[in-house]
Amino acid sequence: MEHKLELSPKKILDEKFTKNVKGYDPDEVDAFLDKVILDYQSFLSYQKENEQYIASLRAELQKASGSSAGARDNEKRLSERIRSLEAENASLHNKLDNIRPGDSPTAENIGLINQVNRLSQFLYQLGYDPTTLAKRK
């Protein structure tokens, strides 16, 4: 809704009323004051709308701040989980490095290979390449 004020301080100051025997013409004064009242009503309505809009923006800002804090917490939790998986992956790679081509596979070795495979798949799902994680330092 557009609010347009008809009066300005200069218009109010410069307003001239015709004088009659008893003073100013009451009809002119009443008409002018009606304009002043309408302007003030319009201004008050405009002010109220702005206050409501400001309150809604503050609520959105607070909501956005809360969601960004939640995202930071989630990012921190995921980073800690990734570090834990990197350490576990490195440990399993060290165990697998001890397996020689001529060694017979054991249940433990197959279990380790399966575990490394699951960890690698999990890291890929998180968007990380497990082959490059051990190289980061």
C-alpha atoms as a PDB file:
ATOM      1  CA  MET A   1       0.000   0.000   0.000  1.00  0.00           C
ATOM      2  CA  GLU A   2       1.446   3.335  -1.045  1.00  0.00           C
ATOM      3  CA  HIS A   3       1.333   6.126   1.493  1.00  0.00           C
ATOM      4  CA  LYS A   4       1.490   9.685   0.219  1.00  0.00           C
ATOM      5  CA  LEU A   5       1.591  12.645   2.561  1.00  0.00           C
ATOM      6  CA  GLU A   6      -0.129  15.738   1.203  1.00  0.00           C
ATOM      7  CA  LEU A   7       1.412  18.163   3.655  1.00  0.00           C
ATOM      8  CA  SER A   8       4.925  19.198   4.449  1.00  0.00           C
ATOM      9  CA  PRO A   9       6.140  21.417   7.296  1.00  0.00           C
ATOM     10  CA  LYS A  10       6.502  24.268   4.773  1.00  0.00           C
ATOM     11  CA  LYS A  11       2.920  23.832   3.480  1.00  0.00           C
ATOM     12  CA  ILE A  12       1.577  23.848   7.019  1.00  0.00           C
ATOM     13  CA  LEU A  13       3.627  26.920   7.875  1.00  0.00           C
ATOM     14  CA  ASP A  14       2.632  28.770   4.696  1.00  0.00           C
ATOM     15  CA  GLU A  15      -1.079  27.933   4.899  1.00  0.00           C
ATOM     16  CA  LYS A  16      -3.119  31.147   4.887  1.00  0.00           C
ATOM     17  CA  PHE A  17      -6.696  31.312   6.093  1.00  0.00           C
ATOM     18  CA  THR A  18      -9.145  33.986   5.066  1.00  0.00           C
ATOM     19  CA  LYS A  19     -10.251  36.171   7.867  1.00  0.00           C
ATOM     20  CA  ASN A  20     -13.850  37.082   8.460  1.00  0.00           C
ATOM     21  CA  VAL A  21     -15.408  39.267  11.090  1.00  0.00           C
ATOM     22  CA  LYS A  22     -15.016  36.646  13.789  1.00  0.00           C
ATOM     23  CA  GLY A  23     -11.509  35.446  12.724  1.00  0.00           C
ATOM     24  CA  TYR A  24     -10.507  32.692  10.350  1.00  0.00           C
ATOM     25  CA  ASP A  25     -13.146  30.917   8.298  1.00  0.00           C
ATOM     26  CA  PRO A  26     -13.974  27.814  10.376  1.00  0.00           C
ATOM     27  CA  ASP A  27     -14.759  25.715   7.283  1.00  0.00           C
ATOM     28  CA  GLU A  28     -11.310  26.395   5.795  1.00  0.00           C
ATOM     29  CA  VAL A  29      -9.589  25.619   9.090  1.00  0.00           C
ATOM     30  CA  ASP A  30     -11.617  22.398   9.455  1.00  0.00           C
ATOM     31  CA  ALA A  31     -10.797  21.328   5.890  1.00  0.00           C
ATOM     32  CA  PHE A  32      -7.113  22.000   6.467  1.00  0.00           C
ATOM     33  CA  LEU A  33      -7.090  20.117   9.769  1.00  0.00           C
ATOM     34  CA  ASP A  34      -8.841  17.194   8.036  1.00  0.00           C
ATOM     35  CA  LYS A  35      -5.880  17.005   5.650  1.00  0.00           C
ATOM     36  CA  VAL A  36      -3.461  17.097   8.599  1.00  0.00           C
ATOM     37  CA  ILE A  37      -5.378  14.281  10.300  1.00  0.00           C
ATOM     38  CA  LEU A  38      -5.354  12.151   7.118  1.00  0.00           C
ATOM     39  CA  ASP A  39      -1.630  12.718   6.696  1.00  0.00           C
ATOM     40  CA  TYR A  40      -0.908  11.687  10.248  1.00  0.00           C
ATOM     41  CA  GLN A  41      -3.120   8.600   9.915  1.00  0.00           C
ATOM     42  CA  SER A  42      -1.279   7.668   6.740  1.00  0.00           C
ATOM     43  CA  PHE A  43       2.070   8.255   8.420  1.00  0.00           C
ATOM     44  CA  LEU A  44       1.124   6.169  11.461  1.00  0.00           C
ATOM     45  CA  SER A  45      -0.043   3.323   9.214  1.00  0.00           C
ATOM     46  CA  TYR A  46       3.218   3.516   7.264  1.00  0.00           C
ATOM     47  CA  GLN A  47       5.199   3.521  10.499  1.00  0.00           C
ATOM     48  CA  LYS A  48       3.335   0.450  11.794  1.00  0.00           C
ATOM     49  CA  GLU A  49       3.939  -1.458   8.537  1.00  0.00           C
ATOM     50  CA  ASN A  50       7.647  -0.624   8.726  1.00  0.00           C
ATOM     51  CA  GLU A  51       7.852  -1.819  12.330  1.00  0.00           C
ATOM     52  CA  GLN A  52       6.214  -5.113  11.353  1.00  0.00           C
ATOM     53  CA  TYR A  53       8.564  -5.476   8.394  1.00  0.00           C
ATOM     54  CA  ILE A  54      11.596  -4.787  10.596  1.00  0.00           C
ATOM     55  CA  ALA A  55      10.362  -7.371  13.113  1.00  0.00           C
ATOM     56  CA  SER A  56       9.963  -9.969  10.344  1.00  0.00           C
ATOM     57  CA  LEU A  57      13.482  -9.224   9.052  1.00  0.00           C
ATOM     58  CA  ARG A  58      14.881  -9.616  12.567  1.00  0.00           C
ATOM     59  CA  ALA A  59      13.091 -12.961  12.925  1.00  0.00           C
ATOM     60  CA  GLU A  60      14.515 -14.133   9.582  1.00  0.00           C
ATOM     61  CA  LEU A  61      17.985 -12.991  10.600  1.00  0.00           C
ATOM     62  CA  GLN A  62      17.729 -14.835  13.899  1.00  0.00           C
ATOM     63  CA  LYS A  63      16.513 -17.956  12.118  1.00  0.00           C
ATOM     64  CA  ALA A  64      19.344 -17.715   9.578  1.00  0.00           C
ATOM     65  CA  SER A  65      21.893 -17.240  12.371  1.00  0.00           C
ATOM     66  CA  GLY A  66      20.556 -20.323  14.123  1.00  0.00           C
ATOM     67  CA  SER A  67      20.690 -22.461  10.994  1.00  0.00           C
ATOM     68  CA  SER A  68      24.218 -21.316  10.179  1.00  0.00           C
ATOM     69  CA  ALA A  69      25.284 -22.218  13.725  1.00  0.00           C
ATOM     70  CA  GLY A  70      23.715 -25.649  13.230  1.00  0.00           C
ATOM     71  CA  ALA A  71      25.557 -26.022   9.933  1.00  0.00           C
ATOM     72  CA  ARG A  72      28.850 -25.111  11.631  1.00  0.00           C
ATOM     73  CA  ASP A  73      28.197 -27.706  14.354  1.00  0.00           C
ATOM     74  CA  ASN A  74      27.367 -30.322  11.722  1.00  0.00           C
ATOM     75  CA  GLU A  75      30.496 -29.432   9.749  1.00  0.00           C
ATOM     76  CA  LYS A  76      32.610 -29.726  12.899  1.00  0.00           C
ATOM     77  CA  ARG A  77      31.056 -33.110  13.753  1.00  0.00           C
ATOM     78  CA  LEU A  78      31.660 -34.380  10.209  1.00  0.00           C
ATOM     79  CA  SER A  79      35.244 -33.118  10.248  1.00  0.00           C
ATOM     80  CA  GLU A  80      35.897 -34.995  13.486  1.00  0.00           C
ATOM     81  CA  ARG A  81      34.321 -38.144  12.009  1.00  0.00           C
ATOM     82  CA  ILE A  82      36.473 -37.801   8.885  1.00  0.00           C
ATOM     83  CA  ARG A  83      39.636 -37.451  10.997  1.00  0.00           C
ATOM     84  CA  SER A  84      38.641 -40.557  12.935  1.00  0.00           C
ATOM     85  CA  LEU A  85      38.006 -42.492   9.712  1.00  0.00           C
ATOM     86  CA  GLU A  86      41.282 -41.279   8.236  1.00  0.00           C
ATOM     87  CA  ALA A  87      43.168 -42.581  11.275  1.00  0.00           C
ATOM     88  CA  GLU A  88      41.335 -45.911  11.153  1.00  0.00           C
ATOM     89  CA  ASN A  89      41.932 -46.162   7.401  1.00  0.00           C
ATOM     90  CA  ALA A  90      45.652 -45.454   7.849  1.00  0.00           C
ATOM     91  CA  SER A  91      45.857 -48.100  10.560  1.00  0.00           C
ATOM     92  CA  LEU A  92      44.183 -50.656   8.326  1.00  0.00           C
ATOM     93  CA  HIS A  93      46.447 -49.737   5.407  1.00  0.00           C
ATOM     94  CA  ASN A  94      49.464 -50.343   7.670  1.00  0.00           C
ATOM     95  CA  LYS A  95      48.124 -53.788   8.530  1.00  0.00           C
ATOM     96  CA  LEU A  96      47.493 -54.562   4.864  1.00  0.00           C
ATOM     97  CA  ASP A  97      51.001 -53.408   3.914  1.00  0.00           C
ATOM     98  CA  ASN A  98      52.342 -56.381   5.881  1.00  0.00           C
ATOM     99  CA  ILE A  99      50.583 -58.819   3.559  1.00  0.00           C
ATOM    100  CA  ARG A 100      52.931 -60.130   0.902  1.00  0.00           C
ATOM    101  CA  PRO A 101      51.849 -61.423  -2.508  1.00  0.00           C
ATOM    102  CA  GLY A 102      52.783 -64.990  -1.625  1.00  0.00           C
ATOM    103  CA  ASP A 103      50.911 -64.984   1.716  1.00  0.00           C
ATOM    104  CA  SER A 104      47.827 -67.111   1.995  1.00  0.00           C
ATOM    105  CA  PRO A 105      44.729 -65.076   2.717  1.00  0.00           C
ATOM    106  CA  THR A 106      43.388 -65.474   6.204  1.00  0.00           C
ATOM    107  CA  ALA A 107      39.968 -64.620   7.589  1.00  0.00           C
ATOM    108  CA  GLU A 108      41.575 -61.675   9.388  1.00  0.00           C
ATOM    109  CA  ASN A 109      43.098 -60.354   6.136  1.00  0.00           C
ATOM    110  CA  ILE A 110      39.801 -60.687   4.266  1.00  0.00           C
ATOM    111  CA  GLY A 111      38.024 -58.956   7.164  1.00  0.00           C
ATOM    112  CA  LEU A 112      40.550 -56.112   7.030  1.00  0.00           C
ATOM    113  CA  ILE A 113      40.127 -55.762   3.277  1.00  0.00           C
ATOM    114  CA  ASN A 114      36.326 -55.634   3.667  1.00  0.00           C
ATOM    115  CA  GLN A 115      36.634 -53.037   6.443  1.00  0.00           C
ATOM    116  CA  VAL A 116      38.931 -50.848   4.328  1.00  0.00           C
ATOM    117  CA  ASN A 117      36.490 -51.178   1.446  1.00  0.00           C
ATOM    118  CA  ARG A 118      33.529 -50.084   3.641  1.00  0.00           C
ATOM    119  CA  LEU A 119      35.485 -47.132   5.011  1.00  0.00           C
ATOM    120  CA  SER A 120      36.516 -46.086   1.512  1.00  0.00           C
ATOM    121  CA  GLN A 121      32.909 -46.248   0.296  1.00  0.00           C
ATOM    122  CA  PHE A 122      31.765 -44.157   3.290  1.00  0.00           C
ATOM    123  CA  LEU A 123      34.392 -41.498   2.552  1.00  0.00           C
ATOM    124  CA  TYR A 124      33.340 -41.409  -1.113  1.00  0.00           C
ATOM    125  CA  GLN A 125      29.721 -40.870   0.015  1.00  0.00           C
ATOM    126  CA  LEU A 126      30.885 -37.891   2.104  1.00  0.00           C
ATOM    127  CA  GLY A 127      32.586 -36.493  -0.989  1.00  0.00           C
ATOM    128  CA  TYR A 128      36.178 -37.388  -0.104  1.00  0.00           C
ATOM    129  CA  ASP A 129      38.609 -39.462  -2.113  1.00  0.00           C
ATOM    130  CA  PRO A 130      40.213 -41.886   0.381  1.00  0.00           C
ATOM    131  CA  THR A 131      43.275 -42.296  -1.815  1.00  0.00           C
ATOM    132  CA  THR A 132      44.155 -38.629  -1.308  1.00  0.00           C
ATOM    133  CA  LEU A 133      43.365 -38.432   2.423  1.00  0.00           C
ATOM    134  CA  ALA A 134      46.514 -40.193   3.593  1.00  0.00           C
ATOM    135  CA  LYS A 135      48.581 -37.760   1.500  1.00  0.00           C
ATOM    136  CA  ARG A 136      47.163 -34.693   3.312  1.00  0.00           C
ATOM    137  CA  LYS A 137      49.318 -33.521   6.198  1.00  0.00           C
END
